[in-house]
Amino acid sequence: MRNILLILLFIFTSTLFAQKYRFSYDLGYGVYSLNNIKKFQSDYASQINNLPVQVIVQFPDYINHSASICFYLDESNLLGVNSAYLTTGGRNSLIDYSGGYKLDMILNGYQFGIESEHIRQLKNNFYIHYNFKLGLIMSVLKSTEILNINDVGESSSTDEFKQFGFFLEPNINVSKNISTNFAINLCLGYSLNTSSFYKGIISWDGLRPKLGMSYSF
């Protein structure tokens, strides 16, 4: 982890002295596997004193945000740093005449890494980009459990779980220059997490379609 942080610091420092930069922002939709945590949620619901607790929401695919700043090694190749924010969640619930039970599980992912990109020009200001990202992903799961019994009162507890791992994300983008500095792009990528290999509870594996914009200066 220390080596990766040093590499990120070196690249970020290099960008400060580069002659040409590109800032990019993408709004994406994450198709997340999250199979282990979905199973954990279902198993936990069945263990609440044999009560008929229902799984209401189970970590659906959801939008994400990502941004990067890169510098041009030459006209066709870039190197830079990137970050992304992922989020989803789950809920278990039971409500009857005697009161209610609820478990909310909010899952956030914070992704930081380096990226490289090769660009090929097509026709009519269209370009194709071959992009590769590599880095660290921190997952934070916050669980809030609430039990309410009528005429007795309410009790609650909150727990937080963190998991660290690495990700690889190859992408292919098609962009069109709107002006000399501004471009819009459509991207399709796939993210692979190391947690898939060592059976971590949280795995963000899946497709990453994105729509974005970039500004070169």
C-alpha atoms as a PDB file:
ATOM      1  CA  MET A   1       0.000   0.000   0.000  1.00  0.00           C
ATOM      2  CA  ARG A   2       2.878   2.340   0.840  1.00  0.00           C
ATOM      3  CA  ASN A   3       4.411   1.802  -2.614  1.00  0.00           C
ATOM      4  CA  ILE A   4       1.111   2.593  -4.318  1.00  0.00           C
ATOM      5  CA  LEU A   5       0.756   5.817  -2.325  1.00  0.00           C
ATOM      6  CA  LEU A   6       4.295   6.815  -3.318  1.00  0.00           C
ATOM      7  CA  ILE A   7       3.518   6.126  -6.980  1.00  0.00           C
ATOM      8  CA  LEU A   8       0.315   8.196  -6.760  1.00  0.00           C
ATOM      9  CA  LEU A   9       2.253  11.036  -5.122  1.00  0.00           C
ATOM     10  CA  PHE A  10       4.920  10.885  -7.839  1.00  0.00           C
ATOM     11  CA  ILE A  11       2.351  10.988 -10.631  1.00  0.00           C
ATOM     12  CA  PHE A  12       0.411  13.808  -8.971  1.00  0.00           C
ATOM     13  CA  THR A  13       3.625  15.800  -8.531  1.00  0.00           C
ATOM     14  CA  SER A  14       4.530  15.151 -12.157  1.00  0.00           C
ATOM     15  CA  THR A  15       1.186  16.515 -13.304  1.00  0.00           C
ATOM     16  CA  LEU A  16       1.948  19.822 -11.596  1.00  0.00           C
ATOM     17  CA  PHE A  17       4.872  20.350 -13.967  1.00  0.00           C
ATOM     18  CA  ALA A  18       3.380  18.818 -17.105  1.00  0.00           C
ATOM     19  CA  GLN A  19       2.684  21.149 -20.020  1.00  0.00           C
ATOM     20  CA  LYS A  20      -0.738  19.779 -20.943  1.00  0.00           C
ATOM     21  CA  TYR A  21      -3.404  18.308 -18.711  1.00  0.00           C
ATOM     22  CA  ARG A  22      -6.840  16.745 -19.030  1.00  0.00           C
ATOM     23  CA  PHE A  23      -9.524  16.771 -16.365  1.00  0.00           C
ATOM     24  CA  SER A  24     -12.343  14.236 -16.743  1.00  0.00           C
ATOM     25  CA  TYR A  25     -15.617  13.579 -14.941  1.00  0.00           C
ATOM     26  CA  ASP A  26     -17.854  10.545 -15.537  1.00  0.00           C
ATOM     27  CA  LEU A  27     -21.334   9.679 -14.335  1.00  0.00           C
ATOM     28  CA  GLY A  28     -21.624   5.912 -14.372  1.00  0.00           C
ATOM     29  CA  TYR A  29     -23.859   3.011 -13.512  1.00  0.00           C
ATOM     30  CA  GLY A  30     -22.323   0.160 -11.543  1.00  0.00           C
ATOM     31  CA  VAL A  31     -23.416  -3.429 -12.095  1.00  0.00           C
ATOM     32  CA  TYR A  32     -22.151  -4.804  -8.775  1.00  0.00           C
ATOM     33  CA  SER A  33     -21.887  -8.498  -7.905  1.00  0.00           C
ATOM     34  CA  LEU A  34     -21.764  -8.176  -4.064  1.00  0.00           C
ATOM     35  CA  ASN A  35     -22.847 -11.827  -3.772  1.00  0.00           C
ATOM     36  CA  ASN A  36     -21.218 -12.476  -0.393  1.00  0.00           C
ATOM     37  CA  ILE A  37     -22.766  -9.516   1.352  1.00  0.00           C
ATOM     38  CA  LYS A  38     -26.183 -10.303  -0.152  1.00  0.00           C
ATOM     39  CA  LYS A  39     -25.936 -13.808   1.278  1.00  0.00           C
ATOM     40  CA  PHE A  40     -24.864 -12.403   4.647  1.00  0.00           C
ATOM     41  CA  GLN A  41     -27.907 -10.108   4.636  1.00  0.00           C
ATOM     42  CA  SER A  42     -30.301 -12.959   3.843  1.00  0.00           C
ATOM     43  CA  ASP A  43     -28.751 -15.280   6.430  1.00  0.00           C
ATOM     44  CA  TYR A  44     -28.893 -12.568   9.084  1.00  0.00           C
ATOM     45  CA  ALA A  45     -32.603 -11.963   8.419  1.00  0.00           C
ATOM     46  CA  SER A  46     -33.372 -15.640   9.052  1.00  0.00           C
ATOM     47  CA  GLN A  47     -31.544 -15.618  12.399  1.00  0.00           C
ATOM     48  CA  ILE A  48     -33.559 -12.919  14.179  1.00  0.00           C
ATOM     49  CA  ASN A  49     -35.241 -15.187  16.763  1.00  0.00           C
ATOM     50  CA  ASN A  50     -37.039 -17.077  13.974  1.00  0.00           C
ATOM     51  CA  LEU A  51     -39.129 -13.996  13.224  1.00  0.00           C
ATOM     52  CA  PRO A  52     -40.363 -13.476   9.622  1.00  0.00           C
ATOM     53  CA  VAL A  53     -37.942 -10.626   8.860  1.00  0.00           C
ATOM     54  CA  GLN A  54     -38.068  -9.696   5.184  1.00  0.00           C
ATOM     55  CA  VAL A  55     -35.250  -8.562   2.891  1.00  0.00           C
ATOM     56  CA  ILE A  56     -36.703  -5.354   1.449  1.00  0.00           C
ATOM     57  CA  VAL A  57     -33.728  -3.932  -0.469  1.00  0.00           C
ATOM     58  CA  GLN A  58     -30.676  -6.016  -1.369  1.00  0.00           C
ATOM     59  CA  PHE A  59     -27.736  -3.929  -2.603  1.00  0.00           C
ATOM     60  CA  PRO A  60     -29.020  -2.959  -6.052  1.00  0.00           C
ATOM     61  CA  ASP A  61     -26.886  -1.715  -8.933  1.00  0.00           C
ATOM     62  CA  TYR A  62     -26.602   2.056  -8.689  1.00  0.00           C
ATOM     63  CA  ILE A  63     -25.020   5.202 -10.094  1.00  0.00           C
ATOM     64  CA  ASN A  64     -21.425   6.145  -9.320  1.00  0.00           C
ATOM     65  CA  HIS A  65     -19.143   9.114  -9.857  1.00  0.00           C
ATOM     66  CA  SER A  66     -15.539   9.188 -11.010  1.00  0.00           C
ATOM     67  CA  ALA A  67     -12.967  11.825 -11.900  1.00  0.00           C
ATOM     68  CA  SER A  68      -9.376  11.903 -13.067  1.00  0.00           C
ATOM     69  CA  ILE A  69      -6.585  14.279 -13.899  1.00  0.00           C
ATOM     70  CA  CYS A  70      -3.988  13.179 -16.432  1.00  0.00           C
ATOM     71  CA  PHE A  71      -1.041  14.684 -18.248  1.00  0.00           C
ATOM     72  CA  TYR A  72      -0.076  14.079 -21.846  1.00  0.00           C
ATOM     73  CA  LEU A  73       3.107  12.101 -22.380  1.00  0.00           C
ATOM     74  CA  ASP A  74       2.633  12.868 -26.091  1.00  0.00           C
ATOM     75  CA  GLU A  75      -0.348  13.431 -28.387  1.00  0.00           C
ATOM     76  CA  SER A  76      -1.575   9.835 -28.052  1.00  0.00           C
ATOM     77  CA  ASN A  77      -0.665   8.734 -24.520  1.00  0.00           C
ATOM     78  CA  LEU A  78      -1.675   9.957 -21.062  1.00  0.00           C
ATOM     79  CA  LEU A  79      -0.833   9.079 -17.479  1.00  0.00           C
ATOM     80  CA  GLY A  80      -2.620  10.263 -14.357  1.00  0.00           C
ATOM     81  CA  VAL A  81      -4.579   9.632 -11.179  1.00  0.00           C
ATOM     82  CA  ASN A  82      -8.251   8.850 -10.658  1.00  0.00           C
ATOM     83  CA  SER A  83     -10.860   8.516  -7.943  1.00  0.00           C
ATOM     84  CA  ALA A  84     -14.400   7.152  -7.781  1.00  0.00           C
ATOM     85  CA  TYR A  85     -17.300   7.020  -5.356  1.00  0.00           C
ATOM     86  CA  LEU A  86     -19.632   3.995  -5.320  1.00  0.00           C
ATOM     87  CA  THR A  87     -22.707   3.489  -3.174  1.00  0.00           C
ATOM     88  CA  THR A  88     -25.564   1.052  -2.601  1.00  0.00           C
ATOM     89  CA  GLY A  89     -27.389  -0.460   0.357  1.00  0.00           C
ATOM     90  CA  GLY A  90     -29.697  -3.036   1.871  1.00  0.00           C
ATOM     91  CA  ARG A  91     -32.633  -3.146   4.263  1.00  0.00           C
ATOM     92  CA  ASN A  92     -34.272  -5.873   6.360  1.00  0.00           C
ATOM     93  CA  SER A  93     -37.596  -5.091   7.999  1.00  0.00           C
ATOM     94  CA  LEU A  94     -40.502  -6.468  10.008  1.00  0.00           C
ATOM     95  CA  ILE A  95     -43.553  -4.508  11.158  1.00  0.00           C
ATOM     96  CA  ASP A  96     -46.600  -5.904  12.974  1.00  0.00           C
ATOM     97  CA  TYR A  97     -49.084  -4.938  15.696  1.00  0.00           C
ATOM     98  CA  SER A  98     -46.478  -5.248  18.474  1.00  0.00           C
ATOM     99  CA  GLY A  99     -43.854  -2.955  16.946  1.00  0.00           C
ATOM    100  CA  GLY A 100     -41.150  -3.072  14.320  1.00  0.00           C
ATOM    101  CA  TYR A 101     -37.634  -4.126  13.457  1.00  0.00           C
ATOM    102  CA  LYS A 102     -35.342  -2.561  10.844  1.00  0.00           C
ATOM    103  CA  LEU A 103     -31.773  -3.112   9.704  1.00  0.00           C
ATOM    104  CA  ASP A 104     -30.288  -0.540   7.327  1.00  0.00           C
ATOM    105  CA  MET A 105     -26.950  -1.352   5.667  1.00  0.00           C
ATOM    106  CA  ILE A 106     -25.329   1.521   3.765  1.00  0.00           C
ATOM    107  CA  LEU A 107     -22.333   0.518   1.662  1.00  0.00           C
ATOM    108  CA  ASN A 108     -19.904   3.057   0.191  1.00  0.00           C
ATOM    109  CA  GLY A 109     -16.794   2.450  -1.874  1.00  0.00           C
ATOM    110  CA  TYR A 110     -13.907   4.918  -2.249  1.00  0.00           C
ATOM    111  CA  GLN A 111     -11.591   4.162  -5.139  1.00  0.00           C
ATOM    112  CA  PHE A 112      -8.162   5.741  -5.726  1.00  0.00           C
ATOM    113  CA  GLY A 113      -5.646   4.768  -8.358  1.00  0.00           C
ATOM    114  CA  ILE A 114      -3.471   5.456 -11.343  1.00  0.00           C
ATOM    115  CA  GLU A 115      -4.442   5.207 -14.984  1.00  0.00           C
ATOM    116  CA  SER A 116      -2.869   5.092 -18.404  1.00  0.00           C
ATOM    117  CA  GLU A 117      -4.530   5.745 -21.732  1.00  0.00           C
ATOM    118  CA  HIS A 118      -3.789   5.418 -25.425  1.00  0.00           C
ATOM    119  CA  ILE A 119      -5.789   7.475 -27.931  1.00  0.00           C
ATOM    120  CA  ARG A 120      -6.406   6.831 -31.616  1.00  0.00           C
ATOM    121  CA  GLN A 121      -8.071   9.370 -33.878  1.00  0.00           C
ATOM    122  CA  LEU A 122     -10.990   8.276 -36.024  1.00  0.00           C
ATOM    123  CA  LYS A 123     -12.965  10.577 -38.347  1.00  0.00           C
ATOM    124  CA  ASN A 124     -14.934  13.789 -37.825  1.00  0.00           C
ATOM    125  CA  ASN A 125     -13.330  14.617 -34.444  1.00  0.00           C
ATOM    126  CA  PHE A 126     -14.129  11.174 -33.019  1.00  0.00           C
ATOM    127  CA  TYR A 127     -11.503   9.333 -30.976  1.00  0.00           C
ATOM    128  CA  ILE A 128     -11.191   5.899 -29.427  1.00  0.00           C
ATOM    129  CA  HIS A 129      -9.459   5.545 -26.049  1.00  0.00           C
ATOM    130  CA  TYR A 130      -7.930   2.423 -24.512  1.00  0.00           C
ATOM    131  CA  ASN A 131      -7.837   3.109 -20.783  1.00  0.00           C
ATOM    132  CA  PHE A 132      -6.524   1.025 -17.880  1.00  0.00           C
ATOM    133  CA  LYS A 133      -6.945   1.800 -14.163  1.00  0.00           C
ATOM    134  CA  LEU A 134      -5.279   0.198 -11.174  1.00  0.00           C
ATOM    135  CA  GLY A 135      -5.465   1.088  -7.499  1.00  0.00           C
ATOM    136  CA  LEU A 136      -6.890   0.755  -4.010  1.00  0.00           C
ATOM    137  CA  ILE A 137     -10.544   0.526  -3.034  1.00  0.00           C
ATOM    138  CA  MET A 138     -11.814   1.074   0.501  1.00  0.00           C
ATOM    139  CA  SER A 139     -15.295  -0.240   1.312  1.00  0.00           C
ATOM    140  CA  VAL A 140     -17.219   1.072   4.318  1.00  0.00           C
ATOM    141  CA  LEU A 141     -20.336  -0.744   5.494  1.00  0.00           C
ATOM    142  CA  LYS A 142     -22.436   1.060   8.112  1.00  0.00           C
ATOM    143  CA  SER A 143     -25.225  -0.956   9.721  1.00  0.00           C
ATOM    144  CA  THR A 144     -27.971   0.529  11.898  1.00  0.00           C
ATOM    145  CA  GLU A 145     -30.324  -1.869  13.687  1.00  0.00           C
ATOM    146  CA  ILE A 146     -33.515  -0.534  15.296  1.00  0.00           C
ATOM    147  CA  LEU A 147     -36.011  -2.450  17.443  1.00  0.00           C
ATOM    148  CA  ASN A 148     -39.243  -0.764  18.462  1.00  0.00           C
ATOM    149  CA  ILE A 149     -41.748  -2.423  20.814  1.00  0.00           C
ATOM    150  CA  ASN A 150     -45.047  -0.607  21.311  1.00  0.00           C
ATOM    151  CA  ASP A 151     -45.601   0.759  24.837  1.00  0.00           C
ATOM    152  CA  VAL A 152     -42.055  -0.289  25.772  1.00  0.00           C
ATOM    153  CA  GLY A 153     -39.687   1.830  23.752  1.00  0.00           C
ATOM    154  CA  GLU A 154     -37.009   1.757  21.094  1.00  0.00           C
ATOM    155  CA  SER A 155     -33.414   0.590  21.068  1.00  0.00           C
ATOM    156  CA  SER A 156     -30.808   0.921  18.349  1.00  0.00           C
ATOM    157  CA  SER A 157     -27.191   0.079  17.610  1.00  0.00           C
ATOM    158  CA  THR A 158     -24.760   1.076  14.872  1.00  0.00           C
ATOM    159  CA  ASP A 159     -21.737  -0.831  13.604  1.00  0.00           C
ATOM    160  CA  GLU A 160     -19.144  -0.019  10.964  1.00  0.00           C
ATOM    161  CA  PHE A 161     -17.029  -2.436   8.954  1.00  0.00           C
ATOM    162  CA  LYS A 162     -14.143  -1.514   6.632  1.00  0.00           C
ATOM    163  CA  GLN A 163     -12.458  -3.578   3.947  1.00  0.00           C
ATOM    164  CA  PHE A 164      -9.455  -2.706   1.790  1.00  0.00           C
ATOM    165  CA  GLY A 165      -8.577  -4.247  -1.544  1.00  0.00           C
ATOM    166  CA  PHE A 166      -7.217  -3.565  -4.994  1.00  0.00           C
ATOM    167  CA  PHE A 167      -8.986  -3.134  -8.311  1.00  0.00           C
ATOM    168  CA  LEU A 168      -8.201  -3.471 -12.007  1.00  0.00           C
ATOM    169  CA  GLU A 169     -10.424  -1.681 -14.503  1.00  0.00           C
ATOM    170  CA  PRO A 170      -9.882  -1.797 -18.281  1.00  0.00           C
ATOM    171  CA  ASN A 171     -12.072   0.611 -20.247  1.00  0.00           C
ATOM    172  CA  ILE A 172     -12.743   1.465 -23.861  1.00  0.00           C
ATOM    173  CA  ASN A 173     -14.065   4.963 -24.608  1.00  0.00           C
ATOM    174  CA  VAL A 174     -15.378   6.768 -27.657  1.00  0.00           C
ATOM    175  CA  SER A 175     -15.184  10.558 -27.517  1.00  0.00           C
ATOM    176  CA  LYS A 176     -16.056  13.500 -29.719  1.00  0.00           C
ATOM    177  CA  ASN A 177     -14.411  16.891 -29.544  1.00  0.00           C
ATOM    178  CA  ILE A 178     -16.972  19.660 -29.168  1.00  0.00           C
ATOM    179  CA  SER A 179     -14.284  22.331 -29.209  1.00  0.00           C
ATOM    180  CA  THR A 180     -10.508  22.505 -29.076  1.00  0.00           C
ATOM    181  CA  ASN A 181     -10.501  21.815 -25.334  1.00  0.00           C
ATOM    182  CA  PHE A 182     -13.833  20.195 -24.533  1.00  0.00           C
ATOM    183  CA  ALA A 183     -15.019  16.651 -25.346  1.00  0.00           C
ATOM    184  CA  ILE A 184     -17.830  14.281 -24.399  1.00  0.00           C
ATOM    185  CA  ASN A 185     -17.333  10.538 -24.152  1.00  0.00           C
ATOM    186  CA  LEU A 186     -19.117   7.236 -23.802  1.00  0.00           C
ATOM    187  CA  CYS A 187     -17.279   4.503 -21.902  1.00  0.00           C
ATOM    188  CA  LEU A 188     -17.671   0.812 -21.162  1.00  0.00           C
ATOM    189  CA  GLY A 189     -15.393  -0.844 -18.617  1.00  0.00           C
ATOM    190  CA  TYR A 190     -15.190  -3.783 -16.255  1.00  0.00           C
ATOM    191  CA  SER A 191     -13.908  -3.659 -12.684  1.00  0.00           C
ATOM    192  CA  LEU A 192     -12.281  -6.650 -11.010  1.00  0.00           C
ATOM    193  CA  ASN A 193     -11.557  -6.602  -7.258  1.00  0.00           C
ATOM    194  CA  THR A 194      -9.009  -8.701  -5.382  1.00  0.00           C
ATOM    195  CA  SER A 195     -11.722  -9.531  -2.836  1.00  0.00           C
ATOM    196  CA  SER A 196     -13.163 -11.864  -5.491  1.00  0.00           C
ATOM    197  CA  PHE A 197     -10.106 -14.077  -5.071  1.00  0.00           C
ATOM    198  CA  TYR A 198      -9.729 -14.192  -1.287  1.00  0.00           C
ATOM    199  CA  LYS A 199     -13.497 -14.371  -0.592  1.00  0.00           C
ATOM    200  CA  GLY A 200     -13.829 -10.937   0.993  1.00  0.00           C
ATOM    201  CA  ILE A 201     -17.342 -10.035   2.029  1.00  0.00           C
ATOM    202  CA  ILE A 202     -17.494  -7.014  -0.311  1.00  0.00           C
ATOM    203  CA  SER A 203     -16.762  -7.321  -4.028  1.00  0.00           C
ATOM    204  CA  TRP A 204     -17.613  -4.516  -6.457  1.00  0.00           C
ATOM    205  CA  ASP A 205     -16.932  -6.640  -9.580  1.00  0.00           C
ATOM    206  CA  GLY A 206     -18.992  -5.765 -12.623  1.00  0.00           C
ATOM    207  CA  LEU A 207     -19.597  -3.646 -15.689  1.00  0.00           C
ATOM    208  CA  ARG A 208     -18.982   0.113 -15.622  1.00  0.00           C
ATOM    209  CA  PRO A 209     -20.906   1.964 -18.351  1.00  0.00           C
ATOM    210  CA  LYS A 210     -20.277   5.719 -18.116  1.00  0.00           C
ATOM    211  CA  LEU A 211     -21.124   9.003 -19.771  1.00  0.00           C
ATOM    212  CA  GLY A 212     -18.644  11.794 -19.231  1.00  0.00           C
ATOM    213  CA  MET A 213     -16.912  14.952 -20.260  1.00  0.00           C
ATOM    214  CA  SER A 214     -13.302  16.113 -20.331  1.00  0.00           C
ATOM    215  CA  TYR A 215     -11.457  19.394 -20.550  1.00  0.00           C
ATOM    216  CA  SER A 216      -7.872  19.704 -21.778  1.00  0.00           C
ATOM    217  CA  PHE A 217      -5.737  22.694 -20.917  1.00  0.00           C
END
